PDB file of N, CA and C in Angstrom:
ATOM      1  N   UNK A   1     -17.808  20.181  11.794  1.00  0.00           N
ATOM      2  CA  UNK A   1     -17.938  19.756  10.408  1.00  0.00           C
ATOM      3  C   UNK A   1     -16.605  19.220   9.892  1.00  0.00           C
ATOM      4  N   UNK A   2     -16.713  18.239   9.052  1.00  0.00           N
ATOM      5  CA  UNK A   2     -15.521  17.648   8.467  1.00  0.00           C
ATOM      6  C   UNK A   2     -15.112  18.451   7.242  1.00  0.00           C
ATOM      7  N   UNK A   3     -13.810  18.695   7.157  1.00  0.00           N
ATOM      8  CA  UNK A   3     -13.296  19.497   6.051  1.00  0.00           C
ATOM      9  C   UNK A   3     -12.314  18.682   5.228  1.00  0.00           C
ATOM     10  N   UNK A   4     -12.214  19.061   3.975  1.00  0.00           N
ATOM     11  CA  UNK A   4     -11.273  18.482   3.035  1.00  0.00           C
ATOM     12  C   UNK A   4     -10.371  19.615   2.564  1.00  0.00           C
ATOM     13  N   UNK A   5      -9.072  19.360   2.527  1.00  0.00           N
ATOM     14  CA  UNK A   5      -8.143  20.378   2.048  1.00  0.00           C
ATOM     15  C   UNK A   5      -7.543  19.925   0.725  1.00  0.00           C
ATOM     16  N   UNK A   6      -7.728  20.743  -0.295  1.00  0.00           N
ATOM     17  CA  UNK A   6      -7.152  20.501  -1.618  1.00  0.00           C
ATOM     18  C   UNK A   6      -6.396  21.756  -2.032  1.00  0.00           C
ATOM     19  N   UNK A   7      -5.123  21.595  -2.343  1.00  0.00           N
ATOM     20  CA  UNK A   7      -4.306  22.744  -2.768  1.00  0.00           C
ATOM     21  C   UNK A   7      -4.424  23.905  -1.799  1.00  0.00           C
ATOM     22  N   UNK A   8      -4.299  23.605  -0.524  1.00  0.00           N
ATOM     23  CA  UNK A   8      -4.333  24.611   0.556  1.00  0.00           C
ATOM     24  C   UNK A   8      -5.676  25.329   0.692  1.00  0.00           C
ATOM     25  N   UNK A   9      -6.713  24.788   0.111  1.00  0.00           N
ATOM     26  CA  UNK A   9      -8.045  25.372   0.243  1.00  0.00           C
ATOM     27  C   UNK A   9      -8.952  24.361   0.926  1.00  0.00           C
ATOM     28  N   UNK A  10      -9.706  24.812   1.928  1.00  0.00           N
ATOM     29  CA  UNK A  10     -10.585  23.915   2.679  1.00  0.00           C
ATOM     30  C   UNK A  10     -12.002  23.924   2.117  1.00  0.00           C
ATOM     31  N   UNK A  11     -12.608  22.739   2.130  1.00  0.00           N
ATOM     32  CA  UNK A  11     -13.988  22.558   1.670  1.00  0.00           C
ATOM     33  C   UNK A  11     -14.744  21.781   2.735  1.00  0.00           C
ATOM     34  N   UNK A  12     -15.950  22.182   3.013  1.00  0.00           N
ATOM     35  CA  UNK A  12     -16.821  21.464   3.945  1.00  0.00           C
ATOM     36  C   UNK A  12     -17.430  20.275   3.208  1.00  0.00           C
ATOM     37  N   UNK A  13     -17.197  19.086   3.719  1.00  0.00           N
ATOM     38  CA  UNK A  13     -17.725  17.892   3.061  1.00  0.00           C
ATOM     39  C   UNK A  13     -19.245  17.882   3.102  1.00  0.00           C
ATOM     40  N   UNK A  14     -19.811  18.353   4.185  1.00  0.00           N
ATOM     41  CA  UNK A  14     -21.269  18.368   4.308  1.00  0.00           C
ATOM     42  C   UNK A  14     -21.939  19.287   3.286  1.00  0.00           C
ATOM     43  N   UNK A  15     -21.180  20.247   2.753  1.00  0.00           N
ATOM     44  CA  UNK A  15     -21.731  21.168   1.759  1.00  0.00           C
ATOM     45  C   UNK A  15     -21.583  20.656   0.329  1.00  0.00           C
ATOM     46  N   UNK A  16     -20.921  19.523   0.158  1.00  0.00           N
ATOM     47  CA  UNK A  16     -20.697  18.982  -1.182  1.00  0.00           C
ATOM     48  C   UNK A  16     -21.967  18.353  -1.737  1.00  0.00           C
ATOM     49  N   UNK A  17     -22.028  18.322  -3.058  1.00  0.00           N
ATOM     50  CA  UNK A  17     -23.140  17.635  -3.717  1.00  0.00           C
ATOM     51  C   UNK A  17     -22.921  16.128  -3.596  1.00  0.00           C
ATOM     52  N   UNK A  18     -23.949  15.369  -3.909  1.00  0.00           N
ATOM     53  CA  UNK A  18     -23.818  13.906  -3.881  1.00  0.00           C
ATOM     54  C   UNK A  18     -22.747  13.446  -4.872  1.00  0.00           C
ATOM     55  N   UNK A  19     -22.689  14.078  -6.018  1.00  0.00           N
ATOM     56  CA  UNK A  19     -21.682  13.722  -7.022  1.00  0.00           C
ATOM     57  C   UNK A  19     -20.266  13.989  -6.485  1.00  0.00           C
ATOM     58  N   UNK A  20     -20.077  15.108  -5.829  1.00  0.00           N
ATOM     59  CA  UNK A  20     -18.772  15.431  -5.250  1.00  0.00           C
ATOM     60  C   UNK A  20     -18.405  14.443  -4.141  1.00  0.00           C
ATOM     61  N   UNK A  21     -19.385  14.065  -3.346  1.00  0.00           N
ATOM     62  CA  UNK A  21     -19.140  13.073  -2.293  1.00  0.00           C
ATOM     63  C   UNK A  21     -18.789  11.717  -2.892  1.00  0.00           C
ATOM     64  N   UNK A  22     -19.419  11.374  -4.006  1.00  0.00           N
ATOM     65  CA  UNK A  22     -19.096  10.123  -4.695  1.00  0.00           C
ATOM     66  C   UNK A  22     -17.651  10.142  -5.200  1.00  0.00           C
ATOM     67  N   UNK A  23     -17.230  11.266  -5.749  1.00  0.00           N
ATOM     68  CA  UNK A  23     -15.848  11.404  -6.217  1.00  0.00           C
ATOM     69  C   UNK A  23     -14.891  11.275  -5.039  1.00  0.00           C
ATOM     70  N   UNK A  24     -15.218  11.908  -3.935  1.00  0.00           N
ATOM     71  CA  UNK A  24     -14.393  11.814  -2.731  1.00  0.00           C
ATOM     72  C   UNK A  24     -14.326  10.367  -2.234  1.00  0.00           C
ATOM     73  N   UNK A  25     -15.421   9.663  -2.310  1.00  0.00           N
ATOM     74  CA  UNK A  25     -15.453   8.265  -1.903  1.00  0.00           C
ATOM     75  C   UNK A  25     -14.511   7.427  -2.776  1.00  0.00           C
ATOM     76  N   UNK A  26     -14.519   7.680  -4.067  1.00  0.00           N
ATOM     77  CA  UNK A  26     -13.618   6.964  -4.975  1.00  0.00           C
ATOM     78  C   UNK A  26     -12.164   7.292  -4.633  1.00  0.00           C
ATOM     79  N   UNK A  27     -11.888   8.540  -4.335  1.00  0.00           N
ATOM     80  CA  UNK A  27     -10.531   8.937  -3.953  1.00  0.00           C
ATOM     81  C   UNK A  27     -10.096   8.259  -2.659  1.00  0.00           C
ATOM     82  N   UNK A  28     -10.997   8.147  -1.697  1.00  0.00           N
ATOM     83  CA  UNK A  28     -10.683   7.456  -0.448  1.00  0.00           C
ATOM     84  C   UNK A  28     -10.423   5.972  -0.695  1.00  0.00           C
ATOM     85  N   UNK A  29     -11.241   5.352  -1.525  1.00  0.00           N
ATOM     86  CA  UNK A  29     -11.047   3.951  -1.876  1.00  0.00           C
ATOM     87  C   UNK A  29      -9.700   3.767  -2.571  1.00  0.00           C
ATOM     88  N   UNK A  30      -9.367   4.681  -3.465  1.00  0.00           N
ATOM     89  CA  UNK A  30      -8.093   4.637  -4.167  1.00  0.00           C
ATOM     90  C   UNK A  30      -6.930   4.695  -3.184  1.00  0.00           C
ATOM     91  N   UNK A  31      -7.019   5.598  -2.239  1.00  0.00           N
ATOM     92  CA  UNK A  31      -5.956   5.748  -1.246  1.00  0.00           C
ATOM     93  C   UNK A  31      -5.819   4.492  -0.387  1.00  0.00           C
ATOM     94  N   UNK A  32      -6.944   3.955   0.064  1.00  0.00           N
ATOM     95  CA  UNK A  32      -6.923   2.734   0.874  1.00  0.00           C
ATOM     96  C   UNK A  32      -6.376   1.553   0.082  1.00  0.00           C
ATOM     97  N   UNK A  33      -6.767   1.449  -1.180  1.00  0.00           N
ATOM     98  CA  UNK A  33      -6.276   0.359  -2.030  1.00  0.00           C
ATOM     99  C   UNK A  33      -4.777   0.474  -2.242  1.00  0.00           C
ATOM    100  N   UNK A  34      -4.312   1.676  -2.472  1.00  0.00           N
ATOM    101  CA  UNK A  34      -2.882   1.913  -2.663  1.00  0.00           C
ATOM    102  C   UNK A  34      -2.088   1.519  -1.416  1.00  0.00           C
ATOM    103  N   UNK A  35      -2.595   1.883  -0.256  1.00  0.00           N
ATOM    104  CA  UNK A  35      -1.942   1.523   0.998  1.00  0.00           C
ATOM    105  C   UNK A  35      -1.887   0.004   1.161  1.00  0.00           C
ATOM    106  N   UNK A  36      -2.995  -0.666   0.877  1.00  0.00           N
ATOM    107  CA  UNK A  36      -3.048  -2.120   0.986  1.00  0.00           C
ATOM    108  C   UNK A  36      -2.088  -2.782  -0.004  1.00  0.00           C
ATOM    109  N   UNK A  37      -2.074  -2.312  -1.232  1.00  0.00           N
ATOM    110  CA  UNK A  37      -1.183  -2.890  -2.241  1.00  0.00           C
ATOM    111  C   UNK A  37       0.283  -2.676  -1.869  1.00  0.00           C
ATOM    112  N   UNK A  38       0.613  -1.512  -1.346  1.00  0.00           N
ATOM    113  CA  UNK A  38       1.986  -1.261  -0.907  1.00  0.00           C
ATOM    114  C   UNK A  38       2.369  -2.210   0.228  1.00  0.00           C
ATOM    115  N   UNK A  39       1.452  -2.437   1.147  1.00  0.00           N
ATOM    116  CA  UNK A  39       1.707  -3.379   2.240  1.00  0.00           C
ATOM    117  C   UNK A  39       1.926  -4.791   1.690  1.00  0.00           C
ATOM    118  N   UNK A  40       1.092  -5.188   0.763  1.00  0.00           N
ATOM    119  CA  UNK A  40       1.225  -6.515   0.162  1.00  0.00           C
ATOM    120  C   UNK A  40       2.573  -6.650  -0.547  1.00  0.00           C
ATOM    121  N   UNK A  41       2.989  -5.611  -1.249  1.00  0.00           N
ATOM    122  CA  UNK A  41       4.270  -5.632  -1.949  1.00  0.00           C
ATOM    123  C   UNK A  41       5.423  -5.759  -0.958  1.00  0.00           C
ATOM    124  N   UNK A  42       5.335  -5.058   0.153  1.00  0.00           N
ATOM    125  CA  UNK A  42       6.366  -5.178   1.182  1.00  0.00           C
ATOM    126  C   UNK A  42       6.417  -6.598   1.735  1.00  0.00           C
ATOM    127  N   UNK A  43       5.267  -7.213   1.915  1.00  0.00           N
ATOM    128  CA  UNK A  43       5.224  -8.600   2.398  1.00  0.00           C
ATOM    129  C   UNK A  43       5.856  -9.548   1.381  1.00  0.00           C
ATOM    130  N   UNK A  44       5.522  -9.374   0.114  1.00  0.00           N
ATOM    131  CA  UNK A  44       6.083 -10.227  -0.934  1.00  0.00           C
ATOM    132  C   UNK A  44       7.598 -10.044  -0.995  1.00  0.00           C
ATOM    133  N   UNK A  45       8.059  -8.805  -0.913  1.00  0.00           N
ATOM    134  CA  UNK A  45       9.499  -8.539  -0.927  1.00  0.00           C
ATOM    135  C   UNK A  45      10.197  -9.178   0.260  1.00  0.00           C
ATOM    136  N   UNK A  46       9.555  -9.151   1.409  1.00  0.00           N
ATOM    137  CA  UNK A  46      10.137  -9.773   2.606  1.00  0.00           C
ATOM    138  C   UNK A  46      10.254 -11.282   2.444  1.00  0.00           C
ATOM    139  N   UNK A  47       9.220 -11.911   1.921  1.00  0.00           N
ATOM    140  CA  UNK A  47       9.260 -13.358   1.694  1.00  0.00           C
ATOM    141  C   UNK A  47      10.355 -13.690   0.685  1.00  0.00           C
ATOM    142  N   UNK A  48      10.464 -12.880  -0.365  1.00  0.00           N
ATOM    143  CA  UNK A  48      11.511 -13.103  -1.365  1.00  0.00           C
ATOM    144  C   UNK A  48      12.887 -13.047  -0.721  1.00  0.00           C
ATOM    145  N   UNK A  49      13.134 -12.046   0.114  1.00  0.00           N
ATOM    146  CA  UNK A  49      14.429 -11.905   0.771  1.00  0.00           C
ATOM    147  C   UNK A  49      14.732 -13.105   1.656  1.00  0.00           C
ATOM    148  N   UNK A  50      13.730 -13.575   2.382  1.00  0.00           N
ATOM    149  CA  UNK A  50      13.916 -14.753   3.243  1.00  0.00           C
ATOM    150  C   UNK A  50      14.222 -15.980   2.395  1.00  0.00           C
ATOM    151  N   UNK A  51      13.506 -16.170   1.310  1.00  0.00           N
ATOM    152  CA  UNK A  51      13.710 -17.345   0.459  1.00  0.00           C
ATOM    153  C   UNK A  51      15.053 -17.282  -0.266  1.00  0.00           C
ATOM    154  N   UNK A  52      15.501 -16.103  -0.675  1.00  0.00           N
ATOM    155  CA  UNK A  52      16.824 -15.970  -1.284  1.00  0.00           C
ATOM    156  C   UNK A  52      17.890 -16.361  -0.274  1.00  0.00           C
ATOM    157  N   UNK A  53      17.747 -15.878   0.948  1.00  0.00           N
ATOM    158  CA  UNK A  53      18.705 -16.234   2.001  1.00  0.00           C
ATOM    159  C   UNK A  53      18.666 -17.732   2.278  1.00  0.00           C
ATOM    160  N   UNK A  54      17.470 -18.302   2.299  1.00  0.00           N
ATOM    161  CA  UNK A  54      17.313 -19.738   2.532  1.00  0.00           C
ATOM    162  C   UNK A  54      17.989 -20.546   1.421  1.00  0.00           C
ATOM    163  N   UNK A  55      17.778 -20.136   0.181  1.00  0.00           N
ATOM    164  CA  UNK A  55      18.391 -20.833  -0.955  1.00  0.00           C
ATOM    165  C   UNK A  55      19.911 -20.695  -0.904  1.00  0.00           C
ATOM    166  N   UNK A  56      20.398 -19.504  -0.630  1.00  0.00           N
ATOM    167  CA  UNK A  56      21.834 -19.275  -0.545  1.00  0.00           C
ATOM    168  C   UNK A  56      22.456 -20.164   0.531  1.00  0.00           C
ATOM    169  N   UNK A  57      21.826 -20.216   1.680  1.00  0.00           N
ATOM    170  CA  UNK A  57      22.328 -21.057   2.773  1.00  0.00           C
ATOM    171  C   UNK A  57      22.314 -22.528   2.375  1.00  0.00           C
ATOM    172  N   UNK A  58      21.269 -22.945   1.698  1.00  0.00           N
ATOM    173  CA  UNK A  58      21.154 -24.333   1.263  1.00  0.00           C
ATOM    174  C   UNK A  58      22.236 -24.668   0.229  1.00  0.00           C
ATOM    175  N   UNK A  59      22.478 -23.763  -0.696  1.00  0.00           N
ATOM    176  CA  UNK A  59      23.493 -23.997  -1.728  1.00  0.00           C
ATOM    177  C   UNK A  59      24.894 -24.017  -1.132  1.00  0.00           C
ATOM    178  N   UNK A  60      25.147 -23.135  -0.207  1.00  0.00           N
ATOM    179  CA  UNK A  60      26.457 -23.110   0.429  1.00  0.00           C
ATOM    180  C   UNK A  60      26.659 -24.358   1.281  1.00  0.00           C
ATOM    181  N   UNK A  61      25.589 -24.843   1.887  1.00  0.00           N
ATOM    182  CA  UNK A  61      25.653 -26.079   2.658  1.00  0.00           C
ATOM    183  C   UNK A  61      25.975 -27.252   1.748  1.00  0.00           C
ATOM    184  N   UNK A  62      25.419 -27.251   0.519  1.00  0.00           N
ATOM    185  CA  UNK A  62      25.685 -28.321  -0.433  1.00  0.00           C
ATOM    186  C   UNK A  62      27.142 -28.338  -0.871  1.00  0.00           C
ATOM    187  N   UNK A  63      27.788 -27.180  -0.933  1.00  0.00           N
ATOM    188  CA  UNK A  63      29.198 -27.119  -1.302  1.00  0.00           C
ATOM    189  C   UNK A  63      30.046 -27.828  -0.259  1.00  0.00           C
ATOM    190  N   UNK A  64      29.691 -27.680   1.010  1.00  0.00           N
ATOM    191  CA  UNK A  64      30.430 -28.327   2.071  1.00  0.00           C
ATOM    192  C   UNK A  64      30.271 -29.844   2.026  1.00  0.00           C
ATOM    193  N   UNK A  65      29.128 -30.304   1.550  1.00  0.00           N
ATOM    194  CA  UNK A  65      28.851 -31.732   1.486  1.00  0.00           C
ATOM    195  C   UNK A  65      29.638 -32.404   0.363  1.00  0.00           C
ATOM    196  N   UNK A  66      30.009 -31.652  -0.679  1.00  0.00           N
ATOM    197  CA  UNK A  66      30.707 -32.226  -1.852  1.00  0.00           C
ATOM    198  C   UNK A  66      32.163 -32.378  -1.613  1.00  0.00           C
TER     199      UNK A  66
END
């Protein structure tokens, strides 16, 4: 049987009511969404860092041309 642990107490998921299972489903969706959003934020931050470096290199290159 699958168990859920909340505050160091275990609960059998199969023994939960449909309403409790629905709440658990929302919590799982929340966790998955949070993980996905964090991944997306890391990707955006990485692109930003690359573009800042690209701009800096381009600007420094322009100084040499002047």
